[in-house]
Structures are given as structure tokens and as C-alpha cells.
Protein backbone atom coordinates (compact mmCIF):
# COMPACT_ATOMS: atom_id res chain seq x y z
CA MET A 1 -0.05 -0.02 -0.09
CA ASN A 2 1.35 3.54 -0.95
CA ASP A 3 1.74 5.67 2.20
CA THR A 4 3.10 8.79 0.31
CA GLN A 5 0.67 11.67 -0.13
CA ASP A 6 -1.37 11.34 -3.28
CA LEU A 7 -1.34 14.66 -5.15
CA PHE A 8 -3.31 13.45 -8.17
CA PRO A 9 -6.37 11.62 -6.87
CA THR A 10 -8.11 9.58 -9.49
CA ARG A 11 -9.98 6.29 -10.14
CA LEU A 12 -12.54 7.22 -7.41
CA GLU A 13 -16.25 6.34 -7.26
CA ARG A 14 -17.48 9.79 -7.74
CA LYS A 15 -16.46 12.44 -10.39
CA LEU A 16 -14.02 15.25 -9.44
CA GLY A 17 -13.32 18.29 -11.42
CA MET A 18 -10.18 18.75 -13.32
CA PHE A 19 -7.62 20.85 -11.65
CA GLU A 20 -4.59 22.86 -12.73
CA ARG A 21 -1.13 21.31 -12.95
CA ILE A 22 1.22 21.77 -9.95
CA ASP A 23 4.42 20.46 -11.45
CA PRO A 24 6.69 22.31 -13.84
CA VAL A 25 6.47 21.25 -17.54
CA VAL A 26 10.22 21.78 -18.31
CA TYR A 27 12.55 20.94 -15.51
CA GLY A 28 16.06 21.90 -16.82
CA ASP A 29 17.92 24.94 -15.13
CA GLU A 30 19.09 27.96 -17.17
CA SER A 31 22.41 26.24 -17.86
CA GLN A 32 20.84 23.01 -19.07
CA LEU A 33 18.14 24.95 -20.98
CA ALA A 34 20.60 27.15 -22.67
CA ASN A 35 23.21 24.54 -23.67
CA GLY A 36 20.89 21.83 -24.85
CA PRO A 37 19.83 21.11 -28.55
CA LEU A 38 16.43 22.80 -28.31
CA SER A 39 16.14 26.45 -28.90
CA LYS A 40 14.38 28.87 -26.59
CA SER A 41 11.34 28.91 -28.97
CA GLU A 42 11.11 24.96 -29.10
CA ILE A 43 11.24 24.86 -25.44
CA ASP A 44 8.58 27.66 -25.04
CA GLU A 45 6.41 25.66 -27.51
CA TYR A 46 6.73 22.40 -25.58
CA GLU A 47 5.82 24.31 -22.46
CA ARG A 48 2.81 25.87 -24.01
CA LYS A 49 1.49 22.94 -26.15
CA GLY A 50 2.84 19.88 -24.30
CA PHE A 51 4.57 18.28 -27.29
CA LEU A 52 7.01 18.98 -30.26
CA SER A 53 7.28 17.29 -33.60
CA PHE A 54 10.19 17.00 -35.84
CA GLU A 55 9.82 15.91 -39.46
CA GLY A 56 12.63 13.53 -40.67
CA PHE A 57 14.46 13.68 -37.21
CA PHE A 58 15.98 10.17 -38.27
CA ASP A 59 16.82 9.18 -41.82
CA ALA A 60 13.89 7.30 -43.30
CA ASP A 61 16.19 4.83 -44.91
CA ASP A 62 17.45 3.86 -41.36
CA MET A 63 13.88 2.99 -40.45
CA GLN A 64 13.91 0.20 -42.88
CA VAL A 65 15.92 -2.21 -40.75
CA PHE A 66 13.56 -1.69 -37.81
CA LEU A 67 10.58 -2.33 -40.12
CA LYS A 68 12.14 -5.53 -41.38
CA GLU A 69 12.57 -6.63 -37.87
CA LEU A 70 9.11 -6.00 -36.99
CA ARG A 71 7.79 -8.00 -39.95
CA GLU A 72 9.63 -10.88 -38.54
CA TYR A 73 7.75 -10.52 -35.35
CA GLU A 74 4.60 -10.66 -36.94
CA ASP A 75 5.42 -14.23 -37.88
CA ASP A 76 6.91 -15.18 -34.41
CA ALA A 77 4.45 -17.46 -32.79
CA ASP A 78 6.14 -17.70 -29.53
CA LEU A 79 6.29 -13.67 -29.19
CA LYS A 80 2.52 -13.65 -30.11
CA LEU A 81 2.10 -15.69 -27.06
CA SER A 82 4.02 -13.63 -24.81
CA GLU A 83 2.23 -11.59 -22.23
CA GLY A 84 3.84 -8.48 -23.45
CA THR A 85 2.45 -8.88 -27.00
CA ILE A 86 -1.25 -7.54 -27.23
CA LEU A 87 -3.40 -8.84 -30.24
CA GLU A 88 -6.27 -6.92 -31.76
CA PRO A 89 -9.52 -7.92 -30.00
CA GLY A 90 -10.85 -11.28 -31.83
CA ARG A 91 -7.91 -11.25 -34.33
CA GLU A 92 -4.45 -12.68 -34.65
CA GLU A 93 -2.88 -9.38 -35.72
CA ILE A 94 -0.37 -7.68 -33.32
CA ARG A 95 -1.62 -4.63 -31.75
CA THR A 96 1.25 -3.72 -29.36
CA ILE A 97 4.47 -5.15 -28.41
CA PHE A 98 5.61 -3.91 -24.94
CA GLY A 99 9.17 -4.00 -23.79
CA ILE A 100 10.47 -3.72 -27.32
CA HIS A 101 13.76 -2.40 -25.86
CA ASP A 102 14.16 -5.69 -24.00
CA VAL A 103 13.21 -7.87 -26.87
CA SER A 104 15.61 -6.35 -29.47
CA LYS A 105 19.21 -4.93 -29.06
CA ARG A 106 18.57 -2.79 -32.14
CA PHE A 107 15.65 -1.09 -30.39
CA GLN A 108 17.50 -0.97 -27.11
CA ARG A 109 20.34 0.77 -28.79
CA LEU A 110 18.00 3.63 -30.09
CA THR A 111 16.92 4.42 -26.63
CA GLN A 112 20.43 5.71 -26.16
CA ASP A 113 20.49 7.79 -29.34
CA PRO A 114 22.62 10.83 -28.47
CA LYS A 115 20.50 13.44 -30.13
CA LEU A 116 17.35 12.03 -28.61
CA LEU A 117 18.80 11.72 -25.15
CA ALA A 118 20.03 15.22 -25.32
CA ILE A 119 16.64 16.61 -25.86
CA VAL A 120 14.89 14.41 -23.11
CA LYS A 121 17.59 15.34 -20.51
CA GLN A 122 17.20 19.04 -21.40
CA LEU A 123 13.45 18.80 -20.81
CA LEU A 124 13.49 16.74 -17.76
CA GLY A 125 16.39 18.40 -16.16
CA SER A 126 18.06 15.10 -15.04
CA ASP A 127 19.48 11.74 -16.00
CA VAL A 128 16.75 9.40 -17.24
CA TYR A 129 15.70 5.72 -17.46
CA ILE A 130 13.23 3.83 -19.73
CA HIS A 131 9.90 3.56 -17.94
CA GLN A 132 8.23 1.73 -20.71
CA SER A 133 8.85 1.06 -24.52
CA ARG A 134 6.25 -0.29 -26.93
CA ILE A 135 5.46 -0.69 -30.73
CA ASN A 136 1.98 0.26 -31.77
CA TYR A 137 0.76 -1.66 -34.99
CA LYS A 138 -2.19 -0.27 -37.15
CA PRO A 139 -2.53 -2.56 -40.23
CA GLY A 140 -4.45 -1.01 -43.12
CA PHE A 141 -8.11 -1.36 -43.00
CA LYS A 142 -7.87 -3.26 -39.57
CA GLY A 143 -6.05 -1.24 -37.17
CA LYS A 144 -8.12 -0.03 -34.12
CA GLY A 145 -7.83 3.12 -32.34
CA PHE A 146 -6.80 4.22 -28.87
CA GLU A 147 -9.03 6.39 -26.60
CA TRP A 148 -8.35 9.72 -25.28
CA HIS A 149 -6.03 9.51 -22.31
CA SER A 150 -3.40 10.93 -20.26
CA ASP A 151 -0.27 8.59 -19.79
CA PHE A 152 0.43 10.05 -16.40
CA GLU A 153 -3.03 9.29 -15.06
CA THR A 154 -2.35 5.62 -15.60
CA TRP A 155 1.34 5.67 -14.60
CA HIS A 156 0.51 7.40 -11.41
CA SER A 157 -2.62 5.24 -10.43
CA GLU A 158 -1.47 1.82 -11.67
CA ASP A 159 2.41 2.28 -11.55
CA GLY A 160 3.00 4.79 -8.77
CA MET A 161 4.75 7.35 -10.68
CA PRO A 162 4.57 10.25 -8.14
CA ARG A 163 5.14 13.37 -10.35
CA MET A 164 4.78 14.74 -13.93
CA ARG A 165 8.33 14.29 -14.87
CA ALA A 166 8.49 11.97 -17.83
CA LEU A 167 7.70 12.16 -21.48
CA SER A 168 7.24 9.93 -24.43
CA CYS A 169 9.21 9.92 -27.67
CA SER A 170 7.10 8.50 -30.71
CA ILE A 171 9.18 7.76 -33.72
CA VAL A 172 7.42 7.20 -36.85
CA LEU A 173 8.44 3.96 -38.71
CA THR A 174 6.08 4.08 -41.62
CA ASP A 175 4.58 7.40 -43.05
CA ASN A 176 1.82 8.91 -40.73
CA GLY A 177 -0.87 10.71 -42.85
CA GLU A 178 -4.35 11.86 -42.21
CA PHE A 179 -5.96 8.72 -43.24
CA ASN A 180 -3.97 5.92 -41.41
CA GLY A 181 -5.00 6.78 -37.75
CA PRO A 182 -2.04 9.19 -36.99
CA LEU A 183 -1.43 10.04 -33.16
CA MET A 184 -3.70 12.93 -32.19
CA LEU A 185 -2.88 15.41 -29.30
CA ILE A 186 -4.75 18.25 -27.41
CA PRO A 187 -2.30 21.14 -27.09
CA GLY A 188 -2.33 22.72 -23.74
CA SER A 189 -4.10 19.73 -22.05
CA HIS A 190 -1.13 18.98 -19.88
CA HIS A 191 -1.78 21.99 -18.04
CA TYR A 192 -4.67 20.17 -16.04
CA PHE A 193 -5.17 16.91 -14.41
CA VAL A 194 -8.35 15.11 -15.19
CA PRO A 195 -9.38 12.59 -12.64
CA CYS A 196 -11.07 9.36 -14.07
CA VAL A 197 -14.15 7.70 -12.49
CA GLY A 198 -14.27 4.07 -11.40
CA ARG A 199 -12.06 1.90 -9.26
CA THR A 200 -9.22 0.09 -10.97
CA PRO A 201 -9.88 -3.66 -10.99
CA GLU A 202 -7.01 -6.01 -10.09
CA ASN A 203 -4.97 -6.96 -13.31
CA ASN A 204 -6.80 -4.29 -15.38
CA TYR A 205 -3.99 -4.24 -17.62
CA LYS A 206 -5.13 -7.30 -19.36
CA GLU A 207 -8.41 -5.68 -20.47
CA SER A 208 -7.34 -2.06 -20.87
CA LEU A 209 -4.59 -2.89 -23.21
CA LYS A 210 -6.99 -4.45 -25.74
CA SER A 211 -9.94 -1.94 -24.94
CA GLN A 212 -9.50 0.81 -22.45
CA GLU A 213 -12.58 1.61 -20.32
CA VAL A 214 -11.02 2.53 -16.90
CA GLY A 215 -8.74 5.52 -16.93
CA VAL A 216 -10.66 7.31 -19.69
CA PRO A 217 -11.35 10.88 -18.91
CA PRO A 218 -15.04 12.01 -18.62
CA ALA A 219 -16.46 13.57 -22.05
CA SER A 220 -17.27 16.64 -20.39
CA SER A 221 -13.88 17.52 -19.32
CA LEU A 222 -12.51 16.48 -22.88
CA ARG A 223 -15.07 18.84 -24.24
CA GLU A 224 -13.88 21.60 -22.45
CA ILE A 225 -10.22 21.33 -22.96
CA MET A 226 -10.87 20.62 -26.86
CA LEU A 227 -12.98 23.79 -27.27
CA GLU A 228 -10.36 25.69 -25.51
CA ASN A 229 -7.28 24.30 -27.36
CA ASP A 230 -8.58 22.09 -30.52
CA ILE A 231 -6.75 18.97 -31.68
CA GLU A 232 -3.55 18.49 -33.58
CA ALA A 233 -2.25 15.41 -35.41
CA PRO A 234 1.44 15.77 -36.23
CA LYS A 235 2.08 13.93 -39.55
CA GLY A 236 5.32 13.08 -41.35
CA PRO A 237 7.47 10.57 -43.28
CA ALA A 238 9.20 7.56 -41.69
CA GLY A 239 11.89 8.89 -39.28
CA SER A 240 9.68 11.75 -37.81
CA LEU A 241 9.60 12.17 -34.19
CA VAL A 242 6.84 13.48 -31.64
CA ILE A 243 7.94 14.22 -28.13
CA PHE A 244 5.01 14.68 -25.82
CA GLU A 245 4.63 15.40 -22.03
CA CYS A 246 3.48 12.55 -19.91
CA ASN A 247 0.14 14.48 -18.96
CA THR A 248 -0.84 15.55 -22.56
CA MET A 249 -4.11 14.17 -23.70
CA HIS A 250 -3.83 12.02 -26.82
CA GLY A 251 -5.48 9.33 -28.68
CA SER A 252 -5.89 8.07 -32.28
CA ASN A 253 -8.55 6.91 -34.80
CA ILE A 254 -8.79 3.45 -36.42
CA ASN A 255 -6.98 3.08 -39.64
CA MET A 256 -9.55 3.08 -42.44
CA SER A 257 -6.86 3.33 -45.16
CA CYS A 258 -4.81 0.71 -46.97
CA TRP A 259 -1.63 2.06 -45.56
CA PRO A 260 -0.28 0.47 -42.33
CA ARG A 261 1.04 2.61 -39.54
CA SER A 262 3.54 1.73 -37.04
CA ASN A 263 5.07 3.94 -34.49
CA LEU A 264 7.59 3.27 -31.76
CA PHE A 265 7.40 4.66 -28.26
CA PHE A 266 10.01 5.22 -25.62
CA VAL A 267 8.77 6.50 -22.24
CA TYR A 268 11.71 8.41 -20.46
CA ASN A 269 11.36 8.95 -16.70
CA SER A 270 13.61 11.04 -14.47
CA VAL A 271 15.95 9.23 -12.10
CA GLU A 272 14.50 11.70 -9.56
CA ASN A 273 10.89 10.35 -10.21
CA THR A 274 11.21 6.65 -9.46
CA LEU A 275 8.11 4.47 -8.91
CA HIS A 276 6.13 4.18 -5.58
CA ASP A 277 3.61 1.44 -4.81
CA PRO A 278 0.59 2.10 -7.17
CA TYR A 279 -1.58 4.70 -5.80
CA CYS A 280 -4.79 2.73 -6.63
CA GLY A 281 -3.93 0.20 -4.14
CA ASN A 282 -3.30 -2.68 -6.47
CA ARG A 283 -0.41 -4.85 -6.91
CA PRO A 284 2.19 -3.37 -9.42
CA ARG A 285 1.69 -4.10 -12.97
CA PRO A 286 4.26 -6.45 -14.74
CA GLU A 287 7.75 -5.26 -15.53
CA PHE A 288 7.01 -4.96 -19.22
CA LEU A 289 4.60 -2.25 -18.50
CA ALA A 290 6.34 -0.43 -15.60
CA ASN A 291 10.22 -0.79 -15.21
CA ARG A 292 10.96 -1.31 -11.58
CA SER A 293 14.15 -3.37 -11.92
CA ASP A 294 16.55 -1.01 -13.68
CA TRP A 295 16.65 2.57 -12.86
CA GLU A 296 20.33 3.24 -14.07
CA PRO A 297 20.91 6.45 -15.86
CA LEU A 298 20.89 5.86 -19.74
CA LYS A 299 24.07 6.86 -21.41
CA PRO A 300 24.46 8.09 -24.88
CA LEU A 301 25.94 5.40 -27.12
CA ASN A 302 29.05 7.65 -27.82
CA GLU A 303 30.03 7.75 -24.36
């Protein structure tokens, strides 16, 4: 049981109104912010919107070797039986592979890309480790969507992440366009914490990773922040990058096109923000969803 003060109450039986953020968005001190790779205007944009997008951050040709490896996974019967692999409801197609940096050395090395790590550490103001990694597949015509949610709401409630000092890097492995279910984000939504209604069942992850019902924000709160801030869907070719703050509301539509969409997600957490017991009172989720065994700071590959 978590005996630390819960600053972000959620998963209660009655609805609570959303409240303003109490944590910083950007943690780096003046020296870190001035000497990092992001410009002041980019840092200001991240602080204001809760995300940044970079078209062609990685070379598109370099992404092909990752895609080739993913295609091999699609035919790997043992991997499909792994608890960390989530299949589409009622189908045999892969929806998500969690812990991809533990499955593949190639993907593990990518978590330590010097350019990527420099940006992450500039924004979080500390050394970092991987809290979670995953690949989200969306095959043409069949790929399902993901409900609107704040990652931090889940990581706080179900994993015991104490504060908003984490971010996600979404690396585009296939071209993301307006028709194949791109990532959608609500700019400015990270400035509010939106509590969700409903107690968290034990082993909730077994259902929520296929179809999320618990941890979905109320429609009234979503409507309010959408009307105030709109919705954006960064698009770009393979190799593009979206970095979004842990509390930024996001989701995606089904893929109604013939073009598949695969995105890689690395979740970086500050080493000063390591996990407590889950605030919902349940047992911790499995290691492939919430890393509790290795909080050693990541080092750039060139060090």
C-alpha cells in the first residue's frame, strides 16, 4: 500500500473536477536549457502545447531495418504468446509489443541515441531511464484506435509514478498521414490533471491494453479542453519524431486506409521520479509495462 501523499487523486467512485497542474513542464535549469539542443522557442512551444514534432528527425532509410525486424515479429508464434504482446480484439494481428527494448538489441540501442537523449535530458533536467517501451501497429483497414487518455493518469494510479516528470518519444516507422490513424494530441491539455471515475480492477491491464474503459477521462472534461485548445495530429514521413509530455491528452482513430501505420514509443522517466507502490492500491503491473528493476541512468551510445 502506498503511504505517500497522493497529489493526483483519480479512479474514484465519484467524479472530481479537473484541476490545474502543480508540477513544472520543463525542469532543466538555466544552464541546461541554454546549452541543450532545443532552442528557446522550441522549449517555449513544448511548455505551451505539451509536445514538439520534428519531421525527418531520423533518416527514413535507417527506419527500414527496424521495419524488417517488425515484420519478422509478425510471424513469430512464440512472441505472439508472450504476455507483453497484445493482439487486436478477436484477431491474430499484433496490436502492441511492450518492452521492445528488452526484446531487441537494435531497439535498445535506439533508446540511447545521443540526439534523442540530449533533448529528453534538457526537458526533464536530469538523467533518465526507460519506464516503458512499445510498438503500436495499425494494419491497413484493420488497425483499431486508442481512446483519449493521459499516460500520467495511468502511470500514477497503476504504477505509482509520483510526479509529472516523464515524457514519451514517438518515432514514426511508417509514413503517418491523415488517413491511417495518426497520433492526435490536445495542445495545452497537460496544464490540467483530469481525474477519472471508477475503481481500478485488479489486473486491469489485461483488458485495458486491448480496449480501455477504466482511466478514460470524462467526456465533459475532454470537451472543455478541446473547445479551448483544439486538436492537432502531427504527420510526417518515416523517421519523424513526436515528443509529448506525460500528461498531454492523446489518442488515435482507427486506420481506415490501406496504408499500415507503425509507431515506436520510448517513455523516459527522470531518475528523480522513480516509482512508488501504485496509488490505486493494487499490485504493481508487470515489468514490461512499468520498469521497476533497472533505474540506472541511460548513457548516450557515444560515451
